[in-house]
């Protein structure tokens, strides 16, 4: 079957529809790091500060999951949760 070379072909890339919950990512990465015997807080701080994904284990897809979230979103969620759970009045 010959295609008409004078016509433009269309190609469509499916956008990822999964809405990533930052809270879920933090929780899941924390558990994956703990399961592998790492200190989750130290490892996540290392990742947030450096951007180096090697601080995060690939166990349970933790590395690929955390890389779907911007590092500033991770900091924002942690700070927001901390403030929501502490009263200074």
Protein backbone atom coordinates (compact mmCIF):
# COMPACT_ATOMS: atom_id res chain seq x y z
CA UNK A 1 0.00 0.00 0.00
CA UNK A 2 1.54 3.26 -1.14
CA UNK A 3 0.99 6.40 0.90
CA UNK A 4 0.50 9.72 -0.78
CA UNK A 5 3.75 11.60 -0.08
CA UNK A 6 2.00 14.91 -0.70
CA UNK A 7 -0.18 14.53 2.38
CA UNK A 8 0.95 15.25 5.92
CA UNK A 9 0.83 12.28 8.25
CA UNK A 10 -0.43 12.82 11.77
CA UNK A 11 1.26 11.39 14.82
CA UNK A 12 -0.21 11.75 18.28
CA UNK A 13 1.62 11.07 21.53
CA UNK A 14 -0.55 10.09 24.46
CA UNK A 15 -0.03 12.36 27.44
CA UNK A 16 0.37 10.58 30.75
CA UNK A 17 -2.99 10.84 32.46
CA UNK A 18 -1.83 9.76 35.91
CA UNK A 19 -2.18 12.59 38.40
CA UNK A 20 0.76 12.27 40.75
CA UNK A 21 -0.05 12.97 44.37
CA UNK A 22 3.01 14.46 46.04
CA UNK A 23 1.93 13.03 49.40
CA UNK A 24 1.67 9.55 47.91
CA UNK A 25 5.08 9.86 46.27
CA UNK A 26 6.72 10.97 49.53
CA UNK A 27 5.05 8.13 51.43
CA UNK A 28 5.93 5.47 48.87
CA UNK A 29 9.54 6.61 48.45
CA UNK A 30 9.94 6.75 52.23
CA UNK A 31 8.76 3.14 52.56
CA UNK A 32 10.91 1.91 49.68
CA UNK A 33 14.02 3.50 51.19
CA UNK A 34 13.22 2.10 54.65
CA UNK A 35 12.63 -1.39 53.21
CA UNK A 36 16.10 -1.30 51.64
CA UNK A 37 17.69 -0.23 54.95
CA UNK A 38 18.39 3.40 54.10
CA UNK A 39 17.62 6.41 56.29
CA UNK A 40 14.69 7.80 54.26
CA UNK A 41 14.97 11.36 55.55
CA UNK A 42 18.69 11.63 54.78
CA UNK A 43 18.26 10.11 51.33
CA UNK A 44 15.34 12.35 50.38
CA UNK A 45 17.16 15.46 51.64
CA UNK A 46 20.16 14.45 49.54
CA UNK A 47 17.92 14.12 46.50
CA UNK A 48 16.11 17.41 47.10
CA UNK A 49 19.33 19.34 47.68
CA UNK A 50 21.30 17.89 44.77
CA UNK A 51 18.74 16.68 42.25
CA UNK A 52 20.78 13.48 41.94
CA UNK A 53 18.32 10.57 41.59
CA UNK A 54 20.94 8.09 42.80
CA UNK A 55 20.00 9.10 46.36
CA UNK A 56 16.70 7.26 45.79
CA UNK A 57 16.47 3.49 45.44
CA UNK A 58 14.88 2.01 42.36
CA UNK A 59 13.11 -0.50 44.66
CA UNK A 60 9.33 -0.42 44.04
CA UNK A 61 9.89 2.20 41.29
CA UNK A 62 10.68 4.82 43.95
CA UNK A 63 13.28 6.59 41.80
CA UNK A 64 11.04 6.92 38.76
CA UNK A 65 8.11 8.03 40.91
CA UNK A 66 10.00 10.78 42.73
CA UNK A 67 11.37 12.09 39.45
CA UNK A 68 7.80 12.74 38.24
CA UNK A 69 7.48 15.42 40.93
CA UNK A 70 9.42 18.68 40.91
CA UNK A 71 11.78 19.02 43.87
CA UNK A 72 10.21 22.33 44.91
CA UNK A 73 6.84 20.53 45.10
CA UNK A 74 8.38 18.03 47.52
CA UNK A 75 9.68 20.83 49.75
CA UNK A 76 6.35 22.66 49.54
CA UNK A 77 4.38 19.56 50.58
CA UNK A 78 6.68 18.76 53.50
CA UNK A 79 6.62 22.37 54.75
CA UNK A 80 2.85 22.67 54.30
CA UNK A 81 2.25 19.44 56.20
CA UNK A 82 4.60 20.51 58.98
CA UNK A 83 2.88 23.88 59.36
CA UNK A 84 -0.59 22.32 59.23
CA UNK A 85 0.35 19.94 62.04
CA UNK A 86 1.98 22.50 64.36
CA UNK A 87 0.31 25.39 66.08
CA UNK A 88 2.38 28.34 67.24
CA UNK A 89 -0.43 30.08 69.10
